């Protein structure tokens, strides 16, 4: 029942739904980014790459702040980011598939034929 209600709300108020999704993404970004920064600070002596984790967390916090500062531009930016991520991901998958096909073709050609059973 709640799925139907969510569908009706999305259909009736698409801009409100998009804004709510944007706020959820921004909040997630702030929380995860803050936790990564806290982790990097606490693990800086034990983990040599903690600075990179902290930098990634800082970028997530910056993303959350930017999304909340200008939700309209944030929604367009998220749309573009999803589109480019899908494009790059699809290209990488095609490249990987070509490599797998090449490897399996090379393996199939390098295996000697099975010996024929002796006919008695």
N, C-alpha and C. Protein backbone atom coordinates (compact mmCIF):
# COMPACT_ATOMS: atom_id res chain seq x y z
N UNK A 1 0.81 -1.19 0.00
CA UNK A 1 0.00 0.00 0.00
C UNK A 1 0.86 1.27 0.00
N UNK A 2 1.96 1.24 0.76
CA UNK A 2 2.81 2.43 0.81
C UNK A 2 3.50 2.66 -0.53
N UNK A 3 3.79 1.58 -1.28
CA UNK A 3 4.38 1.73 -2.60
C UNK A 3 3.44 2.44 -3.55
N UNK A 4 2.16 2.11 -3.46
CA UNK A 4 1.16 2.77 -4.30
C UNK A 4 1.08 4.25 -3.93
N UNK A 5 1.07 4.53 -2.64
CA UNK A 5 1.00 5.92 -2.19
C UNK A 5 2.23 6.70 -2.67
N UNK A 6 3.41 6.08 -2.59
CA UNK A 6 4.62 6.75 -3.06
C UNK A 6 4.54 7.01 -4.56
N UNK A 7 3.99 6.07 -5.31
CA UNK A 7 3.83 6.26 -6.74
C UNK A 7 2.88 7.39 -7.07
N UNK A 8 1.78 7.48 -6.32
CA UNK A 8 0.81 8.56 -6.55
C UNK A 8 1.43 9.91 -6.22
N UNK A 9 2.14 9.99 -5.10
CA UNK A 9 2.79 11.25 -4.71
C UNK A 9 3.82 11.64 -5.77
N UNK A 10 4.59 10.68 -6.26
CA UNK A 10 5.59 10.97 -7.29
C UNK A 10 4.93 11.47 -8.57
N UNK A 11 3.80 10.88 -8.93
CA UNK A 11 3.10 11.28 -10.15
C UNK A 11 2.46 12.66 -9.99
N UNK A 12 1.88 12.92 -8.82
CA UNK A 12 1.17 14.18 -8.61
C UNK A 12 2.14 15.34 -8.36
N UNK A 13 3.20 15.10 -7.60
CA UNK A 13 4.17 16.15 -7.26
C UNK A 13 5.59 15.73 -7.64
N UNK A 14 5.93 15.66 -8.91
CA UNK A 14 7.27 15.20 -9.29
C UNK A 14 8.39 16.12 -8.79
N UNK A 15 8.14 17.43 -8.77
CA UNK A 15 9.20 18.33 -8.30
C UNK A 15 9.44 18.17 -6.81
N UNK A 16 8.38 17.94 -6.05
CA UNK A 16 8.54 17.73 -4.61
C UNK A 16 9.28 16.41 -4.35
N UNK A 17 8.98 15.39 -5.16
CA UNK A 17 9.66 14.11 -5.02
C UNK A 17 11.14 14.25 -5.34
N UNK A 18 11.46 14.99 -6.41
CA UNK A 18 12.86 15.21 -6.77
C UNK A 18 13.59 15.98 -5.68
N UNK A 19 12.93 16.96 -5.10
CA UNK A 19 13.55 17.72 -4.01
C UNK A 19 13.78 16.83 -2.79
N UNK A 20 12.83 15.99 -2.47
CA UNK A 20 12.99 15.08 -1.33
C UNK A 20 14.15 14.12 -1.56
N UNK A 21 14.26 13.60 -2.79
CA UNK A 21 15.38 12.71 -3.11
C UNK A 21 16.71 13.45 -3.01
N UNK A 22 16.74 14.68 -3.47
CA UNK A 22 17.95 15.49 -3.38
C UNK A 22 18.36 15.71 -1.93
N UNK A 23 17.39 15.98 -1.07
CA UNK A 23 17.69 16.19 0.36
C UNK A 23 18.21 14.89 0.98
N UNK A 24 17.64 13.77 0.59
CA UNK A 24 18.12 12.47 1.11
C UNK A 24 19.56 12.24 0.68
N UNK A 25 19.87 12.50 -0.61
CA UNK A 25 21.23 12.31 -1.11
C UNK A 25 22.20 13.26 -0.41
N UNK A 26 21.80 14.51 -0.23
CA UNK A 26 22.66 15.49 0.44
C UNK A 26 22.91 15.10 1.89
N UNK A 27 21.87 14.65 2.58
CA UNK A 27 22.03 14.23 3.98
C UNK A 27 22.94 13.01 4.07
N UNK A 28 22.75 12.05 3.17
CA UNK A 28 23.61 10.87 3.14
C UNK A 28 25.06 11.30 2.92
N UNK A 29 25.27 12.23 1.98
CA UNK A 29 26.60 12.69 1.68
C UNK A 29 27.26 13.36 2.89
N UNK A 30 26.51 14.18 3.61
CA UNK A 30 27.05 14.84 4.81
C UNK A 30 27.39 13.83 5.90
N UNK A 31 26.52 12.87 6.13
CA UNK A 31 26.75 11.89 7.20
C UNK A 31 27.93 10.98 6.87
N UNK A 32 27.95 10.42 5.65
CA UNK A 32 29.04 9.52 5.26
C UNK A 32 30.35 10.29 5.18
N UNK A 33 30.33 11.49 4.61
CA UNK A 33 31.55 12.29 4.54
C UNK A 33 32.10 12.62 5.91
N UNK A 34 31.22 13.03 6.83
CA UNK A 34 31.67 13.32 8.19
C UNK A 34 32.24 12.10 8.89
N UNK A 35 31.62 10.94 8.67
CA UNK A 35 32.14 9.73 9.33
C UNK A 35 33.49 9.33 8.73
N UNK A 36 33.69 9.56 7.44
CA UNK A 36 34.99 9.25 6.84
C UNK A 36 36.07 10.19 7.34
N UNK A 37 35.72 11.45 7.52
CA UNK A 37 36.69 12.39 8.08
C UNK A 37 37.05 11.98 9.51
N UNK A 38 36.05 11.63 10.31
CA UNK A 38 36.31 11.20 11.68
C UNK A 38 37.18 9.95 11.71
N UNK A 39 36.90 9.00 10.82
CA UNK A 39 37.71 7.78 10.74
C UNK A 39 39.14 8.12 10.37
N UNK A 40 39.32 8.99 9.38
CA UNK A 40 40.67 9.35 8.94
C UNK A 40 41.46 10.00 10.06
N UNK A 41 40.80 10.83 10.84
CA UNK A 41 41.49 11.49 11.96
C UNK A 41 41.89 10.47 13.01
N UNK A 42 40.97 9.55 13.33
CA UNK A 42 41.28 8.58 14.38
C UNK A 42 42.28 7.52 13.93
N UNK A 43 42.36 7.24 12.63
CA UNK A 43 43.24 6.17 12.14
C UNK A 43 44.49 6.70 11.45
N UNK A 44 44.78 7.98 11.59
CA UNK A 44 45.89 8.56 10.84
C UNK A 44 47.24 7.97 11.22
N UNK A 45 47.39 7.47 12.45
CA UNK A 45 48.68 6.89 12.86
C UNK A 45 48.80 5.42 12.48
N UNK A 46 47.66 4.72 12.42
CA UNK A 46 47.69 3.30 12.11
C UNK A 46 47.56 3.02 10.61
N UNK A 47 46.94 3.91 9.88
CA UNK A 47 46.65 3.68 8.46
C UNK A 47 47.37 4.73 7.62
N UNK A 48 48.35 4.30 6.82
CA UNK A 48 49.11 5.28 6.03
C UNK A 48 48.25 6.05 5.03
N UNK A 49 47.20 5.45 4.48
CA UNK A 49 46.37 6.12 3.49
C UNK A 49 45.16 6.82 4.06
N UNK A 50 45.17 7.11 5.35
CA UNK A 50 44.01 7.73 5.98
C UNK A 50 43.73 9.12 5.44
N UNK A 51 44.75 9.80 4.97
CA UNK A 51 44.54 11.13 4.40
C UNK A 51 43.66 11.10 3.17
N UNK A 52 43.81 10.04 2.38
CA UNK A 52 42.99 9.90 1.17
C UNK A 52 41.53 9.66 1.56
N UNK A 53 41.33 8.86 2.59
CA UNK A 53 39.96 8.62 3.09
C UNK A 53 39.36 9.93 3.59
N UNK A 54 40.14 10.70 4.31
CA UNK A 54 39.67 11.99 4.80
C UNK A 54 39.37 12.96 3.67
N UNK A 55 40.20 12.95 2.63
CA UNK A 55 39.96 13.81 1.47
C UNK A 55 38.65 13.42 0.77
N UNK A 56 38.42 12.12 0.62
CA UNK A 56 37.16 11.66 0.04
C UNK A 56 35.97 12.07 0.89
N UNK A 57 36.13 11.99 2.20
CA UNK A 57 35.06 12.44 3.10
C UNK A 57 34.81 13.92 2.97
N UNK A 58 35.87 14.70 2.84
CA UNK A 58 35.72 16.13 2.66
C UNK A 58 34.98 16.47 1.36
N UNK A 59 35.27 15.71 0.30
CA UNK A 59 34.55 15.92 -0.96
C UNK A 59 33.07 15.58 -0.83
N UNK A 60 32.76 14.52 -0.07
CA UNK A 60 31.36 14.17 0.15
C UNK A 60 30.63 15.26 0.94
N UNK A 61 31.30 15.81 1.95
CA UNK A 61 30.70 16.89 2.73
C UNK A 61 30.47 18.10 1.83
N UNK A 62 31.46 18.42 0.99
CA UNK A 62 31.31 19.54 0.06
C UNK A 62 30.13 19.30 -0.90
N UNK A 63 30.00 18.07 -1.38
CA UNK A 63 28.87 17.74 -2.25
C UNK A 63 27.55 17.97 -1.53
N UNK A 64 27.44 17.51 -0.29
CA UNK A 64 26.21 17.70 0.48
C UNK A 64 25.87 19.16 0.68
N UNK A 65 26.88 19.95 0.99
CA UNK A 65 26.65 21.38 1.19
C UNK A 65 26.21 22.05 -0.11
N UNK A 66 26.86 21.71 -1.22
CA UNK A 66 26.50 22.30 -2.50
C UNK A 66 25.09 21.90 -2.92
N UNK A 67 24.72 20.65 -2.68
CA UNK A 67 23.37 20.20 -3.04
C UNK A 67 22.31 20.96 -2.24
N UNK A 68 22.57 21.18 -0.97
CA UNK A 68 21.60 21.90 -0.14
C UNK A 68 21.60 23.40 -0.43
N UNK A 69 22.73 23.94 -0.86
CA UNK A 69 22.82 25.38 -1.13
C UNK A 69 22.02 25.76 -2.38
N UNK A 70 22.05 24.92 -3.41
CA UNK A 70 21.32 25.22 -4.65
C UNK A 70 20.68 23.93 -5.16
N UNK A 71 19.50 23.59 -4.63
CA UNK A 71 18.88 22.31 -4.99
C UNK A 71 18.57 22.17 -6.48
N UNK A 72 18.21 23.25 -7.15
CA UNK A 72 17.90 23.16 -8.58
C UNK A 72 19.11 22.74 -9.38
N UNK A 73 20.22 23.42 -9.17
CA UNK A 73 21.45 23.06 -9.86
C UNK A 73 21.93 21.69 -9.40
N UNK A 74 21.70 21.37 -8.13
CA UNK A 74 22.10 20.06 -7.61
C UNK A 74 21.36 18.93 -8.30
N UNK A 75 20.07 19.11 -8.55
CA UNK A 75 19.28 18.07 -9.23
C UNK A 75 19.79 17.87 -10.65
N UNK A 76 20.08 18.97 -11.34
CA UNK A 76 20.61 18.86 -12.70
C UNK A 76 22.00 18.20 -12.65
N UNK A 77 22.80 18.59 -11.69
CA UNK A 77 24.13 18.00 -11.56
C UNK A 77 24.09 16.51 -11.27
N UNK A 78 23.17 16.11 -10.41
CA UNK A 78 23.04 14.68 -10.11
C UNK A 78 22.60 13.92 -11.36
N UNK A 79 21.70 14.50 -12.12
CA UNK A 79 21.25 13.86 -13.36
C UNK A 79 22.42 13.67 -14.32
N UNK A 80 23.22 14.72 -14.48
CA UNK A 80 24.39 14.60 -15.35
C UNK A 80 25.40 13.59 -14.80
N UNK A 81 25.61 13.59 -13.49
CA UNK A 81 26.56 12.65 -12.90
C UNK A 81 26.11 11.21 -13.10
N UNK A 82 24.83 10.95 -12.92
CA UNK A 82 24.31 9.60 -13.14
C UNK A 82 24.47 9.21 -14.61
N UNK A 83 24.17 10.13 -15.51
CA UNK A 83 24.31 9.85 -16.93
C UNK A 83 25.74 9.54 -17.32
N UNK A 84 26.68 10.37 -16.87
CA UNK A 84 28.09 10.12 -17.19
C UNK A 84 28.60 8.85 -16.53
N UNK A 85 28.17 8.60 -15.30
CA UNK A 85 28.60 7.36 -14.62
C UNK A 85 28.11 6.14 -15.38
N UNK A 86 26.87 6.19 -15.87
CA UNK A 86 26.33 5.07 -16.65
C UNK A 86 27.11 4.91 -17.96
N UNK A 87 27.43 6.03 -18.62
CA UNK A 87 28.18 5.99 -19.87
C UNK A 87 29.57 5.39 -19.66
N UNK A 88 30.29 5.87 -18.65
CA UNK A 88 31.64 5.38 -18.38
C UNK A 88 31.60 3.92 -17.94
N UNK A 89 30.65 3.60 -17.07
CA UNK A 89 30.52 2.22 -16.60
C UNK A 89 30.22 1.27 -17.75
N UNK A 90 29.32 1.67 -18.63
CA UNK A 90 29.00 0.84 -19.79
C UNK A 90 30.20 0.65 -20.69
N UNK A 91 30.96 1.72 -20.91
CA UNK A 91 32.17 1.61 -21.72
C UNK A 91 33.19 0.68 -21.11
N UNK A 92 33.37 0.78 -19.79
CA UNK A 92 34.30 -0.11 -19.10
C UNK A 92 33.84 -1.56 -19.17
N UNK A 93 32.54 -1.79 -19.06
CA UNK A 93 32.02 -3.15 -19.16
C UNK A 93 32.24 -3.72 -20.56
N UNK A 94 32.05 -2.90 -21.61
CA UNK A 94 32.32 -3.36 -22.97
C UNK A 94 33.80 -3.69 -23.15
N UNK A 95 34.67 -2.84 -22.61
CA UNK A 95 36.11 -3.08 -22.69
C UNK A 95 36.48 -4.38 -21.97
N UNK A 96 35.90 -4.58 -20.78
CA UNK A 96 36.16 -5.80 -20.02
C UNK A 96 35.64 -7.02 -20.77
N UNK A 97 34.44 -6.92 -21.34
CA UNK A 97 33.87 -8.04 -22.10
C UNK A 97 34.75 -8.40 -23.28
N UNK A 98 35.29 -7.40 -23.97
CA UNK A 98 36.18 -7.67 -25.10
C UNK A 98 37.44 -8.39 -24.62
N UNK A 99 37.97 -7.97 -23.47
CA UNK A 99 39.15 -8.64 -22.92
C UNK A 99 38.86 -10.08 -22.53
N UNK A 100 37.72 -10.31 -21.91
CA UNK A 100 37.34 -11.67 -21.53
C UNK A 100 37.17 -12.54 -22.77
N UNK A 101 36.52 -11.98 -23.79
CA UNK A 101 36.33 -12.73 -25.03
C UNK A 101 37.67 -13.07 -25.67
N UNK A 102 38.58 -12.12 -25.69
CA UNK A 102 39.90 -12.34 -26.27
C UNK A 102 40.65 -13.44 -25.50
N UNK A 103 40.57 -13.37 -24.16
CA UNK A 103 41.25 -14.37 -23.34
C UNK A 103 40.66 -15.76 -23.55
N UNK A 104 39.34 -15.87 -23.56
CA UNK A 104 38.72 -17.18 -23.74
C UNK A 104 39.01 -17.72 -25.14
N UNK A 105 39.08 -16.82 -26.13
CA UNK A 105 39.41 -17.25 -27.49
C UNK A 105 40.84 -17.76 -27.54
N UNK A 106 41.78 -17.06 -26.88
CA UNK A 106 43.17 -17.49 -26.84
C UNK A 106 43.32 -18.82 -26.13
N UNK A 107 42.60 -19.01 -25.03
CA UNK A 107 42.67 -20.27 -24.28
C UNK A 107 42.10 -21.40 -25.12
N UNK A 108 40.98 -21.17 -25.78
CA UNK A 108 40.36 -22.22 -26.60
C UNK A 108 41.28 -22.63 -27.74
N UNK A 109 42.03 -21.70 -28.31
CA UNK A 109 42.94 -22.03 -29.41
C UNK A 109 44.24 -22.65 -28.93
N UNK A 110 44.60 -22.48 -27.67
CA UNK A 110 45.85 -23.00 -27.17
C UNK A 110 45.72 -24.41 -26.58
N UNK A 111 44.53 -24.88 -26.37
CA UNK A 111 44.33 -26.21 -25.80
C UNK A 111 44.44 -27.23 -26.94
N UNK A 112 45.32 -28.23 -26.78
CA UNK A 112 45.44 -29.23 -27.85
C UNK A 112 44.17 -30.07 -27.93
N UNK A 113 43.90 -30.60 -29.10
CA UNK A 113 42.69 -31.42 -29.22
C UNK A 113 42.80 -32.67 -28.36
N UNK A 114 41.68 -33.15 -27.93
CA UNK A 114 41.64 -34.35 -27.08
C UNK A 114 42.05 -35.55 -27.93
N UNK A 115 42.79 -36.47 -27.33
CA UNK A 115 43.21 -37.67 -28.10
C UNK A 115 41.99 -38.51 -28.44
N UNK A 116 42.07 -39.13 -29.60
CA UNK A 116 40.97 -40.00 -30.04
C UNK A 116 41.08 -41.33 -29.31
N UNK A 117 39.94 -41.87 -28.94
CA UNK A 117 40.00 -43.18 -28.30
C UNK A 117 40.46 -44.26 -29.30
N UNK A 118 41.18 -45.19 -28.79
CA UNK A 118 41.68 -46.28 -29.64
C UNK A 118 40.52 -47.16 -30.08
N UNK A 119 40.51 -47.50 -31.34
CA UNK A 119 39.48 -48.38 -31.88
C UNK A 119 40.02 -49.80 -31.87
N UNK A 120 39.30 -50.69 -31.26
CA UNK A 120 39.77 -52.09 -31.14
C UNK A 120 39.04 -52.97 -32.10
